[in-house]
Amino acid sequence: MFPAVDDLLPIAQVLKSYGTQGELLISFLAAMPDDIDLNEPVFLIPEGLPVPFFIEEIQFRGTSKALVRFQDIDSMKEAEQIVGQKLYLPAENCYSDESDSLLGYTLFDQDGKKVGIITQVHDFSGNICVEVNGTLIPLHEDLVMDIRKKGKRIVMNIPQGLE
């Protein structure tokens, strides 16, 4: 069974096709290339549903890019069809065991409504913000109501307009 779209974290963007055999140049959105397990699929969401793709080969280019070859994509034409799309991993596969990392945690508001999954943690000169669905939310001790490592949940009193 495939994960729900809400349980996936974007890890990379397909920049362009590369060569004639279906290779793709991708750029990582965060420093998570170590999370990629070649035995597990990455997902694309072409029409609102997650579609699994298995990586056949990956060659890292620096710290933020890689050349990737997927199984079943064997031509430039097939590769061009996914240019511009994001690659996703299940959030549970992206969680770091470091105690201060909230990547992959699911954020809920003060009313128990799911806001989304934390995809980035930013430090702006000591002002920590978490990114959820492209929105930055300040991570201040006065706003955090509950953090549970088991289940990777965080409940915050989110200021109106930031949800």
N, C-alpha and C. Protein backbone atom coordinates (compact mmCIF):
# COMPACT_ATOMS: atom_id res chain seq x y z
N MET A 1 0.84 -1.18 0.00
CA MET A 1 0.00 0.00 0.00
C MET A 1 0.89 1.25 0.00
N PHE A 2 0.51 2.23 -0.78
CA PHE A 2 1.30 3.44 -0.91
C PHE A 2 0.93 4.44 0.18
N PRO A 3 1.90 5.29 0.56
CA PRO A 3 1.60 6.30 1.59
C PRO A 3 0.65 7.36 1.04
N ALA A 4 -0.06 8.01 1.95
CA ALA A 4 -0.93 9.12 1.57
C ALA A 4 -0.06 10.32 1.20
N VAL A 5 -0.59 11.17 0.35
CA VAL A 5 0.15 12.36 -0.08
C VAL A 5 0.59 13.19 1.12
N ASP A 6 -0.27 13.29 2.15
CA ASP A 6 0.06 14.09 3.34
C ASP A 6 1.20 13.50 4.15
N ASP A 7 1.53 12.24 3.92
CA ASP A 7 2.60 11.59 4.67
C ASP A 7 3.92 11.59 3.92
N LEU A 8 3.99 12.34 2.82
CA LEU A 8 5.21 12.41 2.01
C LEU A 8 5.90 13.75 2.19
N LEU A 9 7.23 13.71 2.21
CA LEU A 9 8.04 14.92 2.29
C LEU A 9 8.76 15.13 0.97
N PRO A 10 8.74 16.36 0.43
CA PRO A 10 9.51 16.61 -0.78
C PRO A 10 11.00 16.61 -0.44
N ILE A 11 11.78 15.88 -1.23
CA ILE A 11 13.23 15.82 -0.97
C ILE A 11 14.05 16.39 -2.12
N ALA A 12 13.47 16.43 -3.32
CA ALA A 12 14.25 16.88 -4.47
C ALA A 12 13.31 17.36 -5.57
N GLN A 13 13.89 18.08 -6.52
CA GLN A 13 13.16 18.56 -7.69
C GLN A 13 13.90 18.06 -8.92
N VAL A 14 13.14 17.56 -9.90
CA VAL A 14 13.73 17.12 -11.16
C VAL A 14 14.01 18.38 -11.99
N LEU A 15 15.29 18.63 -12.27
CA LEU A 15 15.67 19.85 -12.99
C LEU A 15 15.58 19.69 -14.50
N LYS A 16 16.15 18.58 -15.01
CA LYS A 16 16.15 18.39 -16.46
C LYS A 16 16.55 16.96 -16.79
N SER A 17 16.24 16.58 -18.02
CA SER A 17 16.71 15.28 -18.49
C SER A 17 18.19 15.43 -18.81
N TYR A 18 18.89 14.30 -18.82
CA TYR A 18 20.33 14.34 -19.01
C TYR A 18 20.70 13.15 -19.88
N GLY A 19 21.15 13.40 -21.06
CA GLY A 19 21.51 12.31 -21.98
C GLY A 19 20.29 11.76 -22.68
N THR A 20 20.48 10.62 -23.33
CA THR A 20 19.41 10.05 -24.15
C THR A 20 18.83 8.76 -23.58
N GLN A 21 19.34 8.31 -22.44
CA GLN A 21 18.90 7.03 -21.88
C GLN A 21 17.94 7.18 -20.69
N GLY A 22 17.38 8.35 -20.50
CA GLY A 22 16.40 8.55 -19.44
C GLY A 22 16.95 9.07 -18.13
N GLU A 23 18.22 9.47 -18.11
CA GLU A 23 18.79 10.01 -16.88
C GLU A 23 18.19 11.38 -16.59
N LEU A 24 18.20 11.73 -15.29
CA LEU A 24 17.66 13.01 -14.85
C LEU A 24 18.62 13.69 -13.89
N LEU A 25 18.69 15.00 -13.97
CA LEU A 25 19.44 15.78 -13.00
C LEU A 25 18.44 16.28 -11.98
N ILE A 26 18.71 15.98 -10.70
CA ILE A 26 17.83 16.42 -9.63
C ILE A 26 18.59 17.33 -8.67
N SER A 27 17.85 18.17 -7.99
CA SER A 27 18.42 19.05 -6.99
C SER A 27 17.69 18.78 -5.68
N PHE A 28 18.46 18.52 -4.62
CA PHE A 28 17.87 18.24 -3.32
C PHE A 28 17.35 19.52 -2.69
N LEU A 29 16.17 19.45 -2.09
CA LEU A 29 15.55 20.61 -1.46
C LEU A 29 16.08 20.83 -0.06
N ALA A 30 16.59 19.79 0.55
CA ALA A 30 17.20 19.87 1.87
C ALA A 30 18.36 18.88 1.87
N ALA A 31 19.17 18.97 2.87
CA ALA A 31 20.35 18.09 2.92
C ALA A 31 19.95 16.70 3.42
N MET A 32 19.26 15.93 2.57
CA MET A 32 18.79 14.63 2.98
C MET A 32 19.18 13.49 2.05
N PRO A 33 20.20 13.60 1.22
CA PRO A 33 20.48 12.49 0.31
C PRO A 33 20.82 11.19 1.00
N ASP A 34 21.25 11.22 2.25
CA ASP A 34 21.55 9.99 2.98
C ASP A 34 20.29 9.18 3.27
N ASP A 35 19.13 9.82 3.19
CA ASP A 35 17.87 9.14 3.48
C ASP A 35 17.40 8.24 2.32
N ILE A 36 18.04 8.33 1.18
CA ILE A 36 17.59 7.57 0.02
C ILE A 36 18.10 6.14 0.12
N ASP A 37 17.16 5.21 0.15
CA ASP A 37 17.45 3.78 0.18
C ASP A 37 17.09 3.23 -1.20
N LEU A 38 18.07 2.72 -1.92
CA LEU A 38 17.83 2.24 -3.28
C LEU A 38 16.89 1.04 -3.32
N ASN A 39 16.61 0.43 -2.19
CA ASN A 39 15.67 -0.69 -2.15
C ASN A 39 14.22 -0.23 -1.95
N GLU A 40 14.05 1.05 -1.66
CA GLU A 40 12.72 1.62 -1.43
C GLU A 40 12.42 2.65 -2.51
N PRO A 41 11.16 2.81 -2.90
CA PRO A 41 10.85 3.78 -3.96
C PRO A 41 10.85 5.22 -3.45
N VAL A 42 11.06 6.13 -4.38
CA VAL A 42 10.75 7.53 -4.17
C VAL A 42 9.41 7.73 -4.88
N PHE A 43 8.73 8.81 -4.59
CA PHE A 43 7.40 9.01 -5.16
C PHE A 43 7.33 10.32 -5.92
N LEU A 44 6.56 10.30 -6.99
CA LEU A 44 6.16 11.50 -7.71
C LEU A 44 4.65 11.59 -7.55
N ILE A 45 4.12 12.79 -7.65
CA ILE A 45 2.68 12.98 -7.52
C ILE A 45 2.19 13.69 -8.79
N PRO A 46 2.12 12.97 -9.91
CA PRO A 46 1.79 13.62 -11.17
C PRO A 46 0.34 14.09 -11.29
N GLU A 47 -0.61 13.37 -10.72
CA GLU A 47 -2.02 13.74 -10.84
C GLU A 47 -2.73 13.62 -9.50
N GLY A 48 -2.04 14.01 -8.44
CA GLY A 48 -2.63 14.00 -7.12
C GLY A 48 -2.49 12.70 -6.36
N LEU A 49 -1.94 11.67 -6.99
CA LEU A 49 -1.73 10.39 -6.33
C LEU A 49 -0.26 10.02 -6.38
N PRO A 50 0.28 9.47 -5.28
CA PRO A 50 1.69 9.09 -5.28
C PRO A 50 1.96 7.91 -6.21
N VAL A 51 2.99 8.05 -7.03
CA VAL A 51 3.41 6.99 -7.95
C VAL A 51 4.85 6.61 -7.58
N PRO A 52 5.10 5.32 -7.29
CA PRO A 52 6.44 4.91 -6.87
C PRO A 52 7.39 4.78 -8.06
N PHE A 53 8.64 5.19 -7.84
CA PHE A 53 9.71 5.02 -8.81
C PHE A 53 10.92 4.48 -8.06
N PHE A 54 11.52 3.44 -8.60
CA PHE A 54 12.71 2.87 -7.98
C PHE A 54 13.95 3.43 -8.68
N ILE A 55 14.91 3.84 -7.88
CA ILE A 55 16.16 4.38 -8.41
C ILE A 55 17.06 3.21 -8.79
N GLU A 56 17.46 3.20 -10.04
CA GLU A 56 18.36 2.16 -10.53
C GLU A 56 19.81 2.55 -10.27
N GLU A 57 20.09 3.85 -10.43
CA GLU A 57 21.46 4.34 -10.25
C GLU A 57 21.40 5.80 -9.84
N ILE A 58 22.32 6.18 -8.94
CA ILE A 58 22.41 7.58 -8.52
C ILE A 58 23.88 7.95 -8.41
N GLN A 59 24.21 9.11 -8.97
CA GLN A 59 25.57 9.64 -8.90
C GLN A 59 25.48 11.06 -8.35
N PHE A 60 26.00 11.26 -7.15
CA PHE A 60 25.93 12.57 -6.52
C PHE A 60 26.87 13.53 -7.21
N ARG A 61 26.39 14.75 -7.40
CA ARG A 61 27.16 15.84 -8.00
C ARG A 61 27.22 16.97 -6.98
N GLY A 62 28.27 16.98 -6.19
CA GLY A 62 28.36 17.98 -5.13
C GLY A 62 27.46 17.60 -3.98
N THR A 63 27.04 18.60 -3.21
CA THR A 63 26.22 18.32 -2.03
C THR A 63 24.73 18.48 -2.27
N SER A 64 24.34 19.06 -3.40
CA SER A 64 22.92 19.34 -3.58
C SER A 64 22.31 18.78 -4.87
N LYS A 65 23.09 18.13 -5.70
CA LYS A 65 22.56 17.61 -6.96
C LYS A 65 22.98 16.17 -7.17
N ALA A 66 22.25 15.49 -8.07
CA ALA A 66 22.60 14.12 -8.41
C ALA A 66 22.04 13.78 -9.78
N LEU A 67 22.72 12.87 -10.47
CA LEU A 67 22.19 12.27 -11.68
C LEU A 67 21.50 10.98 -11.26
N VAL A 68 20.27 10.81 -11.71
CA VAL A 68 19.47 9.67 -11.30
C VAL A 68 18.94 8.95 -12.53
N ARG A 69 18.93 7.64 -12.42
CA ARG A 69 18.31 6.81 -13.45
C ARG A 69 17.27 5.94 -12.75
N PHE A 70 16.02 6.06 -13.18
CA PHE A 70 14.93 5.28 -12.61
C PHE A 70 14.70 4.02 -13.44
N GLN A 71 14.24 2.98 -12.75
CA GLN A 71 13.81 1.79 -13.47
C GLN A 71 12.60 2.19 -14.33
N ASP A 72 12.50 1.63 -15.50
CA ASP A 72 11.36 1.83 -16.41
C ASP A 72 11.33 3.20 -17.08
N ILE A 73 12.34 4.03 -16.89
CA ILE A 73 12.46 5.27 -17.68
C ILE A 73 13.72 5.11 -18.50
N ASP A 74 13.52 4.82 -19.79
CA ASP A 74 14.64 4.43 -20.65
C ASP A 74 14.91 5.37 -21.81
N SER A 75 14.19 6.49 -21.87
CA SER A 75 14.41 7.39 -23.01
C SER A 75 14.31 8.84 -22.56
N MET A 76 14.84 9.72 -23.39
CA MET A 76 14.78 11.15 -23.11
C MET A 76 13.31 11.59 -23.07
N LYS A 77 12.49 11.04 -23.96
CA LYS A 77 11.08 11.41 -24.01
C LYS A 77 10.37 11.08 -22.69
N GLU A 78 10.62 9.88 -22.15
CA GLU A 78 10.02 9.49 -20.88
C GLU A 78 10.54 10.37 -19.74
N ALA A 79 11.83 10.68 -19.77
CA ALA A 79 12.42 11.52 -18.73
C ALA A 79 11.84 12.93 -18.76
N GLU A 80 11.64 13.47 -19.95
CA GLU A 80 11.11 14.83 -20.10
C GLU A 80 9.72 14.97 -19.47
N GLN A 81 8.97 13.88 -19.40
CA GLN A 81 7.62 13.93 -18.84
C GLN A 81 7.59 14.22 -17.35
N ILE A 82 8.71 13.99 -16.65
CA ILE A 82 8.71 14.25 -15.21
C ILE A 82 9.61 15.43 -14.81
N VAL A 83 10.17 16.12 -15.80
CA VAL A 83 10.97 17.31 -15.50
C VAL A 83 10.08 18.34 -14.80
N GLY A 84 10.61 18.94 -13.76
CA GLY A 84 9.89 19.96 -13.01
C GLY A 84 9.14 19.42 -11.81
N GLN A 85 8.95 18.11 -11.74
CA GLN A 85 8.21 17.53 -10.63
C GLN A 85 9.12 17.33 -9.42
N LYS A 86 8.50 17.23 -8.27
CA LYS A 86 9.23 16.98 -7.04
C LYS A 86 9.26 15.48 -6.75
N LEU A 87 10.34 15.05 -6.10
CA LEU A 87 10.47 13.68 -5.63
C LEU A 87 10.16 13.68 -4.14
N TYR A 88 9.45 12.67 -3.68
CA TYR A 88 9.03 12.59 -2.29
C TYR A 88 9.47 11.28 -1.66
N LEU A 89 9.65 11.32 -0.36
CA LEU A 89 9.86 10.13 0.46
C LEU A 89 8.83 10.14 1.57
N PRO A 90 8.45 8.97 2.07
CA PRO A 90 7.59 8.96 3.26
C PRO A 90 8.30 9.70 4.40
N ALA A 91 7.55 10.50 5.12
CA ALA A 91 8.13 11.31 6.20
C ALA A 91 8.87 10.44 7.20
N GLU A 92 8.37 9.24 7.45
CA GLU A 92 9.03 8.36 8.43
C GLU A 92 10.43 7.98 7.99
N ASN A 93 10.70 7.99 6.69
CA ASN A 93 12.04 7.66 6.19
C ASN A 93 12.99 8.85 6.27
N CYS A 94 12.47 10.04 6.49
CA CYS A 94 13.30 11.25 6.51
C CYS A 94 13.61 11.73 7.91
N TYR A 95 13.09 11.08 8.90
CA TYR A 95 13.27 11.54 10.27
C TYR A 95 14.69 11.30 10.73
N SER A 96 15.28 12.33 11.27
CA SER A 96 16.62 12.22 11.85
C SER A 96 16.48 11.84 13.32
N ASP A 97 17.36 11.01 13.81
CA ASP A 97 17.31 10.61 15.21
C ASP A 97 17.87 11.67 16.15
N GLU A 98 18.38 12.76 15.62
CA GLU A 98 18.88 13.82 16.48
C GLU A 98 17.72 14.42 17.25
N SER A 99 17.91 14.62 18.55
CA SER A 99 16.81 15.06 19.40
C SER A 99 16.30 16.45 19.03
N ASP A 100 17.13 17.28 18.43
CA ASP A 100 16.68 18.64 18.12
C ASP A 100 16.07 18.76 16.73
N SER A 101 15.98 17.68 15.99
CA SER A 101 15.43 17.74 14.65
C SER A 101 13.93 17.47 14.66
N LEU A 102 13.17 18.33 14.00
CA LEU A 102 11.73 18.15 13.90
C LEU A 102 11.31 17.78 12.48
N LEU A 103 12.27 17.54 11.59
CA LEU A 103 11.93 17.14 10.23
C LEU A 103 11.09 15.89 10.25
N GLY A 104 10.00 15.92 9.53
CA GLY A 104 9.12 14.76 9.46
C GLY A 104 8.04 14.73 10.53
N TYR A 105 8.11 15.63 11.51
CA TYR A 105 7.06 15.70 12.51
C TYR A 105 5.79 16.24 11.87
N THR A 106 4.65 15.76 12.35
CA THR A 106 3.37 16.27 11.89
C THR A 106 2.95 17.38 12.85
N LEU A 107 2.62 18.54 12.29
CA LEU A 107 2.23 19.71 13.08
C LEU A 107 0.71 19.80 13.15
N PHE A 108 0.22 19.96 14.38
CA PHE A 108 -1.20 20.16 14.62
C PHE A 108 -1.39 21.52 15.28
N ASP A 109 -2.53 22.17 15.00
CA ASP A 109 -2.79 23.45 15.66
C ASP A 109 -3.44 23.21 17.02
N GLN A 110 -3.73 24.29 17.71
CA GLN A 110 -4.27 24.23 19.06
C GLN A 110 -5.63 23.53 19.13
N ASP A 111 -6.34 23.42 18.01
CA ASP A 111 -7.64 22.77 17.97
C ASP A 111 -7.55 21.31 17.54
N GLY A 112 -6.32 20.82 17.35
CA GLY A 112 -6.13 19.43 16.94
C GLY A 112 -6.21 19.20 15.44
N LYS A 113 -6.29 20.28 14.67
CA LYS A 113 -6.37 20.17 13.21
C LYS A 113 -4.96 19.98 12.65
N LYS A 114 -4.82 19.00 11.75
CA LYS A 114 -3.52 18.74 11.13
C LYS A 114 -3.17 19.87 10.17
N VAL A 115 -2.02 20.48 10.41
CA VAL A 115 -1.54 21.57 9.55
C VAL A 115 -0.69 21.00 8.42
N GLY A 116 0.16 20.03 8.74
CA GLY A 116 1.02 19.41 7.73
C GLY A 116 2.28 18.85 8.36
N ILE A 117 3.20 18.47 7.49
CA ILE A 117 4.46 17.86 7.93
C ILE A 117 5.57 18.90 7.85
N ILE A 118 6.41 18.95 8.85
CA ILE A 118 7.54 19.89 8.88
C ILE A 118 8.59 19.41 7.87
N THR A 119 8.85 20.25 6.87
CA THR A 119 9.78 19.89 5.80
C THR A 119 11.13 20.56 5.94
N GLN A 120 11.20 21.64 6.70
CA GLN A 120 12.46 22.37 6.91
C GLN A 120 12.44 23.00 8.29
N VAL A 121 13.61 23.17 8.84
CA VAL A 121 13.79 23.94 10.07
C VAL A 121 14.81 25.02 9.75
N HIS A 122 14.42 26.29 9.93
CA HIS A 122 15.28 27.42 9.59
C HIS A 122 15.72 28.14 10.86
N ASP A 123 16.96 28.56 10.88
CA ASP A 123 17.49 29.35 11.99
C ASP A 123 17.85 30.73 11.45
N PHE A 124 17.02 31.71 11.76
CA PHE A 124 17.27 33.08 11.34
C PHE A 124 17.85 33.84 12.52
N SER A 125 19.17 33.79 12.65
CA SER A 125 19.88 34.48 13.73
C SER A 125 19.29 34.18 15.10
N GLY A 126 19.06 32.90 15.35
CA GLY A 126 18.53 32.49 16.64
C GLY A 126 17.02 32.40 16.70
N ASN A 127 16.33 32.90 15.68
CA ASN A 127 14.88 32.79 15.61
C ASN A 127 14.54 31.57 14.76
N ILE A 128 14.13 30.50 15.43
CA ILE A 128 13.87 29.24 14.75
C ILE A 128 12.46 29.25 14.18
N CYS A 129 12.34 28.84 12.91
CA CYS A 129 11.04 28.69 12.26
C CYS A 129 10.98 27.31 11.63
N VAL A 130 9.79 26.72 11.62
CA VAL A 130 9.58 25.47 10.91
C VAL A 130 8.78 25.79 9.65
N GLU A 131 9.07 25.02 8.60
CA GLU A 131 8.36 25.22 7.34
C GLU A 131 7.38 24.07 7.15
N VAL A 132 6.12 24.45 6.93
CA VAL A 132 5.05 23.49 6.69
C VAL A 132 4.24 23.99 5.51
N ASN A 133 4.13 23.18 4.48
CA ASN A 133 3.37 23.55 3.29
C ASN A 133 3.82 24.89 2.72
N GLY A 134 5.12 25.17 2.77
CA GLY A 134 5.66 26.41 2.23
C GLY A 134 5.50 27.62 3.14
N THR A 135 4.92 27.45 4.31
CA THR A 135 4.71 28.55 5.25
C THR A 135 5.69 28.43 6.41
N LEU A 136 6.31 29.53 6.78
CA LEU A 136 7.20 29.57 7.93
C LEU A 136 6.40 29.89 9.19
N ILE A 137 6.60 29.06 10.21
CA ILE A 137 5.90 29.25 11.48
C ILE A 137 6.96 29.36 12.57
N PRO A 138 6.92 30.44 13.37
CA PRO A 138 7.94 30.60 14.42
C PRO A 138 7.83 29.49 15.45
N LEU A 139 8.97 28.92 15.78
CA LEU A 139 9.02 27.85 16.78
C LEU A 139 9.51 28.47 18.09
N HIS A 140 8.57 28.98 18.83
CA HIS A 140 8.88 29.65 20.09
C HIS A 140 8.28 28.83 21.23
N GLU A 141 9.01 28.76 22.34
CA GLU A 141 8.56 27.93 23.46
C GLU A 141 7.18 28.32 23.97
N ASP A 142 6.78 29.59 23.81
CA ASP A 142 5.46 30.02 24.25
C ASP A 142 4.35 29.49 23.34
N LEU A 143 4.69 29.11 22.11
CA LEU A 143 3.70 28.62 21.16
C LEU A 143 3.57 27.10 21.15
N VAL A 144 4.64 26.41 21.58
CA VAL A 144 4.63 24.94 21.57
C VAL A 144 3.82 24.45 22.77
N MET A 145 2.78 23.66 22.47
CA MET A 145 1.92 23.12 23.51
C MET A 145 2.33 21.70 23.89
N ASP A 146 2.78 20.91 22.90
CA ASP A 146 3.13 19.52 23.16
C ASP A 146 4.01 18.99 22.04
N ILE A 147 5.04 18.24 22.41
CA ILE A 147 5.90 17.55 21.43
C ILE A 147 5.98 16.11 21.87
N ARG A 148 5.68 15.21 20.95
CA ARG A 148 5.77 13.78 21.24
C ARG A 148 6.68 13.12 20.23
N LYS A 149 7.82 12.64 20.75
CA LYS A 149 8.78 11.97 19.88
C LYS A 149 8.16 10.70 19.30
N LYS A 150 7.45 9.96 20.14
CA LYS A 150 6.75 8.77 19.65
C LYS A 150 5.56 9.26 18.84
N GLY A 151 5.51 8.88 17.61
CA GLY A 151 4.45 9.33 16.72
C GLY A 151 4.80 10.62 15.99
N LYS A 152 5.93 11.23 16.35
CA LYS A 152 6.44 12.44 15.70
C LYS A 152 5.34 13.49 15.52
N ARG A 153 4.80 13.96 16.64
CA ARG A 153 3.72 14.94 16.64
C ARG A 153 4.15 16.18 17.42
N ILE A 154 3.74 17.31 16.91
CA ILE A 154 3.94 18.55 17.65
C ILE A 154 2.64 19.35 17.56
N VAL A 155 2.21 19.88 18.71
CA VAL A 155 1.00 20.70 18.78
C VAL A 155 1.45 22.10 19.15
N MET A 156 0.98 23.08 18.36
CA MET A 156 1.38 24.47 18.60
C MET A 156 0.16 25.37 18.59
N ASN A 157 0.25 26.45 19.35
CA ASN A 157 -0.73 27.53 19.30
C ASN A 157 -0.26 28.44 18.18
N ILE A 158 -0.79 28.22 17.01
CA ILE A 158 -0.30 28.90 15.81
C ILE A 158 -1.03 30.23 15.66
N PRO A 159 -0.28 31.32 15.53
CA PRO A 159 -0.91 32.63 15.35
C PRO A 159 -1.82 32.63 14.11
N GLN A 160 -2.94 33.31 14.24
CA GLN A 160 -3.92 33.37 13.16
C GLN A 160 -3.27 33.94 11.90
N GLY A 161 -3.58 33.32 10.77
CA GLY A 161 -3.04 33.77 9.49
C GLY A 161 -1.81 32.99 9.03
N LEU A 162 -1.22 32.21 9.92
CA LEU A 162 -0.02 31.44 9.55
C LEU A 162 -0.33 29.99 9.20
N GLU A 163 -1.54 29.55 9.42
CA GLU A 163 -1.89 28.15 9.15
C GLU A 163 -2.03 27.88 7.67
